[in-house]
Each structure stands twice: as structure tokens, then as C-alpha cells.
Amino acid sequence: MERKTGSLQEQALKRKERLKALRERQLHGRGQDDGEPEQKKASLEEPAEEKHRELKLRNYTPEDEELKERQVPKAKPASVEDKVKDQLEAANPEPIIEEVDLANLAPRKPDWDLKRDVAKKLEKLERRTQRAIAELIRDRLRGSEEELAGAVAAVGTEEGDSD
């Protein structure tokens, strides 16, 4: 049992030493013994040297002519009237619809999708039915015309016989 606690204490001490070394490296910059190869160190340092930020003067008015060229122009504030106008337009409520379509509010019947799917077929059948009814009416009219013509002819022959 003592052996386990001893090894745990040793591990804790090693961990503390590693953390202390890491803190020192962070405070004092990168050290030589941080475990990275020399090529990586060189590649990390080169861009830092090449990287040069241009000086931009925002809040400082320089006296030197060269520095005056680097001065950033003053920013112009946005128009308050435009912002207020936009906010007022956004705040206007949409016109309220006075008429409410009851068909949209009422729940649909359970078979509405079946009726929708059959509607095209029913249109075709409705057209065929109308045509058939029109043909039947025409046939009856033709039949009644023939009967009427026959009756007129029969009446005409009877009158001609009686003359």
C-alpha cells in the first residue's frame, strides 16, 4: 500500500516539475529545449520577421509629413434620421385581414387527399357524361322529329284522300 502512495507522490512531483518548466518557457519565451526540431523553429521565426504591419494613425494627428500620409481619415457618423426612419418602418404593423376564409380555418376531412387525387379523372368522366347526355337528347329529338314528320305525312295523306 505504501508503494502505491509513494508512486502517486512521485508522479505528482514529476507533473509539478513539468508544469513549472512549461510556465517558465511561456514567461521567458520559447526555450531551446522545447522538443521541436530546428527546422520548425526556423520556419516559425521567419514569418514573424517578414511580417511587417503598416502603421495606421487613427486618433493621433502627426506633425511629420511622412506620418501624415498614414493617418486614417475620420469616420463620418451615420445619419440618425435614416436609422430612425428604418426602425419606424419596421415597427409598422402589417394590415390586419378583416375577412377570414373559413375553408382555411376549418380542419380538413380525412379523405381530402383522395378527392384531390381523383379530381382529374372525375373531370374526364364528367365531360364524357355531358357528351353522352347531349347525344341522347339529340337522338330523342331526331326520333321525335321523325315521328312528327311521319305523323304530319300521315295527316297529309289522309287530308289528300279526303279531298
N, C-alpha and C. Protein backbone atom coordinates (compact mmCIF):
# COMPACT_ATOMS: atom_id res chain seq x y z
N MET A 1 0.82 -1.19 0.00
CA MET A 1 0.00 0.00 0.00
C MET A 1 0.87 1.26 0.00
N GLU A 2 1.93 1.23 0.78
CA GLU A 2 2.84 2.36 0.82
C GLU A 2 3.49 2.58 -0.54
N ARG A 3 3.68 1.49 -1.25
CA ARG A 3 4.32 1.57 -2.55
C ARG A 3 3.46 2.37 -3.53
N LYS A 4 2.14 2.13 -3.51
CA LYS A 4 1.22 2.83 -4.40
C LYS A 4 1.20 4.32 -4.09
N THR A 5 1.11 4.67 -2.81
CA THR A 5 1.08 6.09 -2.45
C THR A 5 2.40 6.75 -2.78
N GLY A 6 3.48 6.01 -2.64
CA GLY A 6 4.79 6.56 -2.98
C GLY A 6 4.89 6.84 -4.47
N SER A 7 4.39 5.93 -5.29
CA SER A 7 4.46 6.14 -6.73
C SER A 7 3.53 7.28 -7.15
N LEU A 8 2.40 7.41 -6.48
CA LEU A 8 1.49 8.51 -6.78
C LEU A 8 2.13 9.84 -6.43
N GLN A 9 2.83 9.87 -5.32
CA GLN A 9 3.51 11.10 -4.91
C GLN A 9 4.61 11.45 -5.90
N GLU A 10 5.34 10.42 -6.37
CA GLU A 10 6.40 10.66 -7.34
C GLU A 10 5.81 11.22 -8.64
N GLN A 11 4.70 10.63 -9.06
CA GLN A 11 4.05 11.11 -10.29
C GLN A 11 3.58 12.55 -10.14
N ALA A 12 3.06 12.88 -8.96
CA ALA A 12 2.60 14.24 -8.71
C ALA A 12 3.76 15.22 -8.74
N LEU A 13 4.89 14.83 -8.16
CA LEU A 13 6.07 15.70 -8.18
C LEU A 13 6.56 15.91 -9.62
N LYS A 14 6.60 14.85 -10.41
CA LYS A 14 7.04 14.97 -11.81
C LYS A 14 6.10 15.91 -12.58
N ARG A 15 4.80 15.75 -12.33
CA ARG A 15 3.80 16.60 -13.00
C ARG A 15 4.02 18.06 -12.63
N LYS A 16 4.27 18.33 -11.33
CA LYS A 16 4.51 19.70 -10.88
C LYS A 16 5.75 20.28 -11.55
N GLU A 17 6.79 19.48 -11.69
CA GLU A 17 8.01 19.95 -12.33
C GLU A 17 7.76 20.28 -13.80
N ARG A 18 7.03 19.42 -14.49
CA ARG A 18 6.72 19.68 -15.90
C ARG A 18 5.91 20.96 -16.05
N LEU A 19 4.91 21.16 -15.17
CA LEU A 19 4.10 22.38 -15.22
C LEU A 19 4.95 23.61 -14.94
N LYS A 20 5.85 23.50 -13.97
CA LYS A 20 6.72 24.64 -13.64
C LYS A 20 7.61 24.98 -14.82
N ALA A 21 8.16 23.96 -15.49
CA ALA A 21 9.02 24.19 -16.66
C ALA A 21 8.20 24.82 -17.79
N LEU A 22 6.98 24.36 -17.98
CA LEU A 22 6.11 24.91 -19.03
C LEU A 22 5.80 26.38 -18.76
N ARG A 23 5.52 26.73 -17.50
CA ARG A 23 5.24 28.13 -17.15
C ARG A 23 6.47 29.01 -17.42
N GLU A 24 7.64 28.51 -17.07
CA GLU A 24 8.87 29.27 -17.29
C GLU A 24 9.09 29.51 -18.78
N ARG A 25 8.85 28.47 -19.59
CA ARG A 25 9.00 28.63 -21.04
C ARG A 25 8.04 29.67 -21.58
N GLN A 26 6.82 29.66 -21.06
CA GLN A 26 5.83 30.63 -21.54
C GLN A 26 6.19 32.05 -21.12
N LEU A 27 6.72 32.20 -19.91
CA LEU A 27 7.10 33.53 -19.43
C LEU A 27 8.33 34.07 -20.13
N HIS A 28 9.31 33.25 -20.36
CA HIS A 28 10.57 33.69 -20.92
C HIS A 28 10.64 33.47 -22.43
N GLY A 29 9.56 33.17 -23.04
CA GLY A 29 9.57 32.90 -24.48
C GLY A 29 9.96 31.46 -24.73
N ARG A 30 10.13 31.15 -25.97
CA ARG A 30 10.45 29.77 -26.31
C ARG A 30 11.90 29.47 -25.96
N GLY A 31 12.08 28.36 -25.30
CA GLY A 31 13.44 27.94 -24.94
C GLY A 31 14.01 27.02 -26.00
N GLN A 32 15.28 26.67 -25.87
CA GLN A 32 15.93 25.80 -26.85
C GLN A 32 15.50 24.36 -26.67
N ASP A 33 15.10 23.96 -25.47
CA ASP A 33 14.80 22.57 -25.21
C ASP A 33 13.29 22.30 -25.18
N ASP A 34 12.55 22.89 -26.07
CA ASP A 34 11.10 22.66 -26.07
C ASP A 34 10.70 21.47 -26.92
N GLY A 35 11.65 20.71 -27.44
CA GLY A 35 11.35 19.47 -28.12
C GLY A 35 11.05 19.61 -29.59
N GLU A 36 11.09 20.80 -30.16
CA GLU A 36 10.83 20.98 -31.58
C GLU A 36 12.13 20.91 -32.35
N PRO A 37 12.10 20.35 -33.55
CA PRO A 37 13.31 20.33 -34.36
C PRO A 37 13.70 21.74 -34.77
N GLU A 38 14.95 21.91 -35.15
CA GLU A 38 15.47 23.22 -35.53
C GLU A 38 14.76 23.79 -36.76
N GLN A 39 14.36 22.93 -37.70
CA GLN A 39 13.70 23.40 -38.91
C GLN A 39 12.37 24.07 -38.57
N LYS A 40 11.62 23.44 -37.67
CA LYS A 40 10.33 24.03 -37.27
C LYS A 40 10.52 25.37 -36.59
N LYS A 41 11.54 25.46 -35.74
CA LYS A 41 11.81 26.72 -35.04
C LYS A 41 12.13 27.82 -36.04
N ALA A 42 12.96 27.49 -37.02
CA ALA A 42 13.35 28.47 -38.03
C ALA A 42 12.14 28.91 -38.85
N SER A 43 11.27 27.96 -39.21
CA SER A 43 10.09 28.32 -40.03
C SER A 43 9.12 29.17 -39.23
N LEU A 44 9.06 28.97 -37.91
CA LEU A 44 8.16 29.78 -37.08
C LEU A 44 8.71 31.19 -36.91
N GLU A 45 10.01 31.35 -36.86
CA GLU A 45 10.59 32.66 -36.63
C GLU A 45 10.61 33.52 -37.89
N GLU A 46 10.79 32.92 -39.05
CA GLU A 46 10.90 33.67 -40.30
C GLU A 46 9.67 34.51 -40.60
N PRO A 47 8.47 33.95 -40.57
CA PRO A 47 7.31 34.80 -40.87
C PRO A 47 7.15 35.95 -39.89
N ALA A 48 7.58 35.78 -38.67
CA ALA A 48 7.47 36.86 -37.69
C ALA A 48 8.38 38.02 -38.09
N GLU A 49 9.55 37.71 -38.63
CA GLU A 49 10.45 38.76 -39.04
C GLU A 49 9.94 39.44 -40.31
N GLU A 50 9.43 38.65 -41.25
CA GLU A 50 8.96 39.19 -42.52
C GLU A 50 7.65 39.96 -42.36
N LYS A 51 6.88 39.54 -41.42
CA LYS A 51 5.57 40.16 -41.23
C LYS A 51 5.76 41.56 -40.66
N HIS A 52 5.37 42.57 -41.43
CA HIS A 52 5.53 43.95 -41.01
C HIS A 52 4.17 44.63 -41.14
N ARG A 53 3.67 45.13 -40.06
CA ARG A 53 2.37 45.81 -40.09
C ARG A 53 2.59 47.27 -40.43
N GLU A 54 1.73 47.77 -41.27
CA GLU A 54 1.82 49.18 -41.62
C GLU A 54 1.18 50.01 -40.52
N LEU A 55 1.78 51.10 -40.22
CA LEU A 55 1.32 51.97 -39.16
C LEU A 55 0.08 52.74 -39.63
N LYS A 56 -0.99 52.65 -38.83
CA LYS A 56 -2.22 53.39 -39.14
C LYS A 56 -2.52 54.30 -37.96
N LEU A 57 -2.61 55.57 -38.23
CA LEU A 57 -2.86 56.54 -37.17
C LEU A 57 -4.34 56.95 -37.21
N ARG A 58 -5.06 56.56 -36.18
CA ARG A 58 -6.49 56.85 -36.14
C ARG A 58 -6.79 58.06 -35.24
N ASN A 59 -6.25 58.04 -34.04
CA ASN A 59 -6.57 59.08 -33.06
C ASN A 59 -5.45 60.10 -32.86
N TYR A 60 -4.38 59.95 -33.59
CA TYR A 60 -3.22 60.80 -33.40
C TYR A 60 -2.99 61.64 -34.65
N THR A 61 -2.82 62.93 -34.47
CA THR A 61 -2.52 63.82 -35.58
C THR A 61 -1.03 64.09 -35.58
N PRO A 62 -0.29 63.49 -36.53
CA PRO A 62 1.16 63.65 -36.52
C PRO A 62 1.60 65.01 -37.08
N GLU A 63 2.78 65.44 -36.69
CA GLU A 63 3.36 66.68 -37.21
C GLU A 63 4.27 66.40 -38.39
N ASP A 64 4.82 65.19 -38.44
CA ASP A 64 5.74 64.82 -39.52
C ASP A 64 4.94 64.56 -40.80
N GLU A 65 5.47 65.00 -41.93
CA GLU A 65 4.79 64.87 -43.23
C GLU A 65 4.63 63.41 -43.63
N GLU A 66 5.66 62.59 -43.38
CA GLU A 66 5.60 61.17 -43.74
C GLU A 66 4.51 60.46 -42.95
N LEU A 67 4.37 60.80 -41.71
CA LEU A 67 3.36 60.17 -40.86
C LEU A 67 1.95 60.66 -41.19
N LYS A 68 1.83 61.89 -41.72
CA LYS A 68 0.51 62.40 -42.08
C LYS A 68 -0.12 61.58 -43.19
N GLU A 69 0.72 60.97 -44.05
CA GLU A 69 0.20 60.13 -45.13
C GLU A 69 -0.46 58.87 -44.58
N ARG A 70 0.02 58.42 -43.44
CA ARG A 70 -0.50 57.19 -42.85
C ARG A 70 -1.72 57.43 -41.96
N GLN A 71 -2.14 58.64 -41.82
CA GLN A 71 -3.28 58.96 -40.97
C GLN A 71 -4.57 58.47 -41.63
N VAL A 72 -5.39 57.82 -40.87
CA VAL A 72 -6.67 57.29 -41.36
C VAL A 72 -7.68 58.43 -41.34
N PRO A 73 -8.45 58.60 -42.43
CA PRO A 73 -9.45 59.68 -42.43
C PRO A 73 -10.50 59.47 -41.35
N LYS A 74 -11.03 60.55 -40.85
CA LYS A 74 -12.03 60.49 -39.78
C LYS A 74 -13.30 59.81 -40.30
N ALA A 75 -13.87 58.99 -39.45
CA ALA A 75 -15.11 58.29 -39.82
C ALA A 75 -16.28 59.24 -39.67
N LYS A 76 -17.20 59.18 -40.64
CA LYS A 76 -18.38 60.04 -40.58
C LYS A 76 -19.51 59.24 -39.94
N PRO A 77 -20.17 59.82 -38.96
CA PRO A 77 -21.27 59.09 -38.31
C PRO A 77 -22.44 58.91 -39.27
N ALA A 78 -23.15 57.82 -39.07
CA ALA A 78 -24.31 57.53 -39.91
C ALA A 78 -25.45 58.49 -39.55
N SER A 79 -26.30 58.73 -40.51
CA SER A 79 -27.42 59.64 -40.32
C SER A 79 -28.44 59.02 -39.36
N VAL A 80 -28.76 59.76 -38.32
CA VAL A 80 -29.70 59.28 -37.32
C VAL A 80 -31.11 59.22 -37.91
N GLU A 81 -31.45 60.18 -38.78
CA GLU A 81 -32.80 60.22 -39.36
C GLU A 81 -33.07 58.94 -40.16
N ASP A 82 -32.07 58.50 -40.92
CA ASP A 82 -32.27 57.28 -41.72
C ASP A 82 -32.49 56.07 -40.83
N LYS A 83 -31.71 55.96 -39.76
CA LYS A 83 -31.87 54.82 -38.86
C LYS A 83 -33.25 54.84 -38.20
N VAL A 84 -33.68 56.02 -37.74
CA VAL A 84 -34.98 56.13 -37.09
C VAL A 84 -36.09 55.80 -38.08
N LYS A 85 -35.94 56.29 -39.31
CA LYS A 85 -36.95 56.03 -40.34
C LYS A 85 -37.06 54.53 -40.62
N ASP A 86 -35.91 53.85 -40.70
CA ASP A 86 -35.92 52.40 -40.92
C ASP A 86 -36.60 51.68 -39.77
N GLN A 87 -36.30 52.11 -38.54
CA GLN A 87 -36.90 51.46 -37.38
C GLN A 87 -38.41 51.69 -37.33
N LEU A 88 -38.86 52.89 -37.71
CA LEU A 88 -40.30 53.17 -37.71
C LEU A 88 -41.01 52.33 -38.77
N GLU A 89 -40.37 52.20 -39.93
CA GLU A 89 -40.97 51.38 -40.98
C GLU A 89 -41.04 49.92 -40.55
N ALA A 90 -40.02 49.45 -39.86
CA ALA A 90 -40.01 48.07 -39.40
C ALA A 90 -41.05 47.85 -38.29
N ALA A 91 -41.35 48.90 -37.53
CA ALA A 91 -42.29 48.78 -36.42
C ALA A 91 -43.74 48.85 -36.87
N ASN A 92 -44.01 49.37 -38.09
CA ASN A 92 -45.40 49.46 -38.56
C ASN A 92 -45.99 48.06 -38.69
N PRO A 93 -47.15 47.85 -38.07
CA PRO A 93 -47.76 46.52 -38.16
C PRO A 93 -48.34 46.29 -39.55
N GLU A 94 -48.39 45.04 -39.93
CA GLU A 94 -48.99 44.66 -41.20
C GLU A 94 -50.50 44.91 -41.12
N PRO A 95 -51.13 45.26 -42.23
CA PRO A 95 -52.58 45.45 -42.19
C PRO A 95 -53.29 44.15 -41.82
N ILE A 96 -54.24 44.29 -40.94
CA ILE A 96 -54.96 43.11 -40.45
C ILE A 96 -56.03 42.74 -41.46
N ILE A 97 -56.07 41.48 -41.81
CA ILE A 97 -57.07 40.99 -42.76
C ILE A 97 -58.39 40.85 -42.01
N GLU A 98 -59.39 41.57 -42.49
CA GLU A 98 -60.68 41.56 -41.79
C GLU A 98 -61.50 40.33 -42.13
N GLU A 99 -61.42 39.90 -43.39
CA GLU A 99 -62.19 38.72 -43.77
C GLU A 99 -61.32 37.49 -43.55
N VAL A 100 -61.93 36.50 -42.93
CA VAL A 100 -61.21 35.26 -42.67
C VAL A 100 -61.85 34.17 -43.52
N ASP A 101 -61.03 33.47 -44.26
CA ASP A 101 -61.53 32.38 -45.09
C ASP A 101 -61.78 31.17 -44.20
N LEU A 102 -63.04 30.80 -44.05
CA LEU A 102 -63.39 29.70 -43.16
C LEU A 102 -62.87 28.36 -43.67
N ALA A 103 -62.70 28.24 -44.98
CA ALA A 103 -62.20 26.99 -45.53
C ALA A 103 -60.77 26.72 -45.06
N ASN A 104 -59.99 27.79 -44.88
CA ASN A 104 -58.62 27.61 -44.41
C ASN A 104 -58.56 27.33 -42.92
N LEU A 105 -59.54 27.82 -42.17
CA LEU A 105 -59.53 27.61 -40.73
C LEU A 105 -60.10 26.26 -40.34
N ALA A 106 -61.11 25.79 -41.08
CA ALA A 106 -61.77 24.55 -40.73
C ALA A 106 -60.82 23.37 -40.98
N PRO A 107 -60.85 22.39 -40.12
CA PRO A 107 -59.99 21.23 -40.34
C PRO A 107 -60.46 20.45 -41.58
N ARG A 108 -59.54 19.86 -42.28
CA ARG A 108 -59.88 19.12 -43.49
C ARG A 108 -60.45 17.76 -43.12
N LYS A 109 -61.29 17.27 -44.02
CA LYS A 109 -61.85 15.94 -43.81
C LYS A 109 -60.75 14.91 -44.06
N PRO A 110 -60.90 13.74 -43.47
CA PRO A 110 -59.83 12.74 -43.61
C PRO A 110 -59.60 12.26 -45.04
N ASP A 111 -60.59 12.40 -45.92
CA ASP A 111 -60.44 11.89 -47.28
C ASP A 111 -60.16 12.99 -48.29
N TRP A 112 -59.70 14.17 -47.86
CA TRP A 112 -59.49 15.28 -48.79
C TRP A 112 -58.41 14.97 -49.81
N ASP A 113 -57.38 14.24 -49.39
CA ASP A 113 -56.30 13.94 -50.33
C ASP A 113 -56.75 12.95 -51.39
N LEU A 114 -57.65 12.04 -51.02
CA LEU A 114 -58.18 11.08 -52.01
C LEU A 114 -59.02 11.80 -53.05
N LYS A 115 -59.84 12.74 -52.58
CA LYS A 115 -60.67 13.52 -53.51
C LYS A 115 -59.80 14.34 -54.44
N ARG A 116 -58.72 14.91 -53.93
CA ARG A 116 -57.82 15.70 -54.75
C ARG A 116 -57.19 14.84 -55.84
N ASP A 117 -56.79 13.63 -55.49
CA ASP A 117 -56.14 12.75 -56.46
C ASP A 117 -57.10 12.26 -57.53
N VAL A 118 -58.38 12.11 -57.20
CA VAL A 118 -59.37 11.57 -58.14
C VAL A 118 -60.00 12.69 -58.98
N ALA A 119 -59.75 13.95 -58.64
CA ALA A 119 -60.43 15.07 -59.30
C ALA A 119 -60.19 15.09 -60.81
N LYS A 120 -58.97 14.82 -61.27
CA LYS A 120 -58.69 14.85 -62.72
C LYS A 120 -59.48 13.78 -63.45
N LYS A 121 -59.52 12.60 -62.89
CA LYS A 121 -60.27 11.51 -63.52
C LYS A 121 -61.75 11.84 -63.56
N LEU A 122 -62.24 12.46 -62.49
CA LEU A 122 -63.66 12.82 -62.46
C LEU A 122 -63.98 13.88 -63.50
N GLU A 123 -63.06 14.79 -63.77
CA GLU A 123 -63.28 15.81 -64.80
C GLU A 123 -63.46 15.15 -66.16
N LYS A 124 -62.61 14.18 -66.48
CA LYS A 124 -62.72 13.47 -67.76
C LYS A 124 -64.07 12.76 -67.84
N LEU A 125 -64.44 12.09 -66.76
CA LEU A 125 -65.71 11.36 -66.76
C LEU A 125 -66.89 12.32 -66.89
N GLU A 126 -66.79 13.49 -66.25
CA GLU A 126 -67.86 14.48 -66.33
C GLU A 126 -68.03 14.95 -67.77
N ARG A 127 -66.93 15.19 -68.48
CA ARG A 127 -67.01 15.61 -69.88
C ARG A 127 -67.65 14.52 -70.73
N ARG A 128 -67.24 13.28 -70.52
CA ARG A 128 -67.82 12.16 -71.28
C ARG A 128 -69.31 12.04 -70.99
N THR A 129 -69.67 12.21 -69.72
CA THR A 129 -71.09 12.11 -69.34
C THR A 129 -71.90 13.20 -70.03
N GLN A 130 -71.41 14.42 -70.07
CA GLN A 130 -72.11 15.52 -70.73
C GLN A 130 -72.29 15.24 -72.22
N ARG A 131 -71.24 14.71 -72.85
CA ARG A 131 -71.34 14.37 -74.28
C ARG A 131 -72.41 13.30 -74.51
N ALA A 132 -72.39 12.28 -73.66
CA ALA A 132 -73.36 11.19 -73.81
C ALA A 132 -74.78 11.71 -73.63
N ILE A 133 -74.98 12.58 -72.65
CA ILE A 133 -76.33 13.14 -72.42
C ILE A 133 -76.75 13.96 -73.62
N ALA A 134 -75.82 14.76 -74.18
CA ALA A 134 -76.14 15.57 -75.37
C ALA A 134 -76.51 14.68 -76.55
N GLU A 135 -75.79 13.58 -76.76
CA GLU A 135 -76.11 12.65 -77.85
C GLU A 135 -77.49 12.03 -77.66
N LEU A 136 -77.79 11.62 -76.44
CA LEU A 136 -79.11 11.03 -76.18
C LEU A 136 -80.23 12.02 -76.46
N ILE A 137 -80.02 13.27 -76.05
CA ILE A 137 -81.04 14.31 -76.30
C ILE A 137 -81.21 14.51 -77.79
N ARG A 138 -80.09 14.55 -78.53
CA ARG A 138 -80.16 14.71 -79.99
C ARG A 138 -80.89 13.53 -80.64
N ASP A 139 -80.56 12.35 -80.18
CA ASP A 139 -81.23 11.16 -80.74
C ASP A 139 -82.72 11.21 -80.49
N ARG A 140 -83.13 11.61 -79.30
CA ARG A 140 -84.56 11.70 -78.99
C ARG A 140 -85.23 12.76 -79.86
N LEU A 141 -84.53 13.90 -80.01
CA LEU A 141 -85.09 14.96 -80.86
C LEU A 141 -85.23 14.47 -82.30
N ARG A 142 -84.21 13.76 -82.80
CA ARG A 142 -84.29 13.21 -84.15
C ARG A 142 -85.44 12.21 -84.26
N GLY A 143 -85.53 11.38 -83.20
CA GLY A 143 -86.63 10.39 -83.20
C GLY A 143 -87.98 11.06 -83.16
N SER A 144 -88.09 12.11 -82.33
CA SER A 144 -89.37 12.81 -82.26
C SER A 144 -89.64 13.58 -83.54
N GLU A 145 -88.57 14.08 -84.21
CA GLU A 145 -88.77 14.77 -85.50
C GLU A 145 -89.29 13.78 -86.54
N GLU A 146 -88.69 12.58 -86.53
CA GLU A 146 -89.12 11.57 -87.50
C GLU A 146 -90.57 11.16 -87.22
N GLU A 147 -90.89 10.99 -85.94
CA GLU A 147 -92.27 10.65 -85.60
C GLU A 147 -93.21 11.78 -85.99
N LEU A 148 -92.75 13.01 -85.71
CA LEU A 148 -93.55 14.17 -86.05
C LEU A 148 -93.71 14.27 -87.57
N ALA A 149 -92.61 14.03 -88.28
CA ALA A 149 -92.68 14.07 -89.75
C ALA A 149 -93.59 12.95 -90.25
N GLY A 150 -93.47 11.80 -89.62
CA GLY A 150 -94.36 10.68 -90.02
C GLY A 150 -95.81 11.00 -89.73
N ALA A 151 -96.04 11.64 -88.58
CA ALA A 151 -97.41 11.99 -88.22
C ALA A 151 -97.93 13.05 -89.17
N VAL A 152 -97.11 14.02 -89.53
CA VAL A 152 -97.52 15.07 -90.46
C VAL A 152 -97.78 14.45 -91.84
N ALA A 153 -96.93 13.54 -92.22
CA ALA A 153 -97.12 12.88 -93.52
C ALA A 153 -98.41 12.06 -93.51
N ALA A 154 -98.65 11.40 -92.39
CA ALA A 154 -99.87 10.59 -92.29
C ALA A 154 -101.09 11.48 -92.32
N VAL A 155 -101.01 12.61 -91.64
CA VAL A 155 -102.14 13.53 -91.63
C VAL A 155 -102.29 14.12 -93.02
N GLY A 156 -101.21 14.41 -93.70
CA GLY A 156 -101.25 14.97 -95.03
C GLY A 156 -101.85 13.99 -96.02
N THR A 157 -101.60 12.73 -95.90
CA THR A 157 -102.14 11.75 -96.82
C THR A 157 -103.63 11.55 -96.52
N GLU A 158 -104.01 11.63 -95.31
CA GLU A 158 -105.44 11.49 -95.00
C GLU A 158 -106.22 12.66 -95.54
N GLU A 159 -105.61 13.85 -95.45
CA GLU A 159 -106.30 15.03 -95.97
C GLU A 159 -106.35 14.97 -97.48
N GLY A 160 -105.27 14.45 -98.06
CA GLY A 160 -105.26 14.35 -99.52
C GLY A 160 -106.26 13.32 -100.01
N ASP A 161 -106.54 12.30 -99.23
CA ASP A 161 -107.52 11.29 -99.63
C ASP A 161 -108.93 11.83 -99.51
N SER A 162 -109.14 12.67 -98.56
CA SER A 162 -110.47 13.20 -98.34
C SER A 162 -110.79 14.30 -99.32
N ASP A 163 -109.86 14.88 -100.02
CA ASP A 163 -110.14 15.96 -100.97
C ASP A 163 -110.74 15.45 -102.16
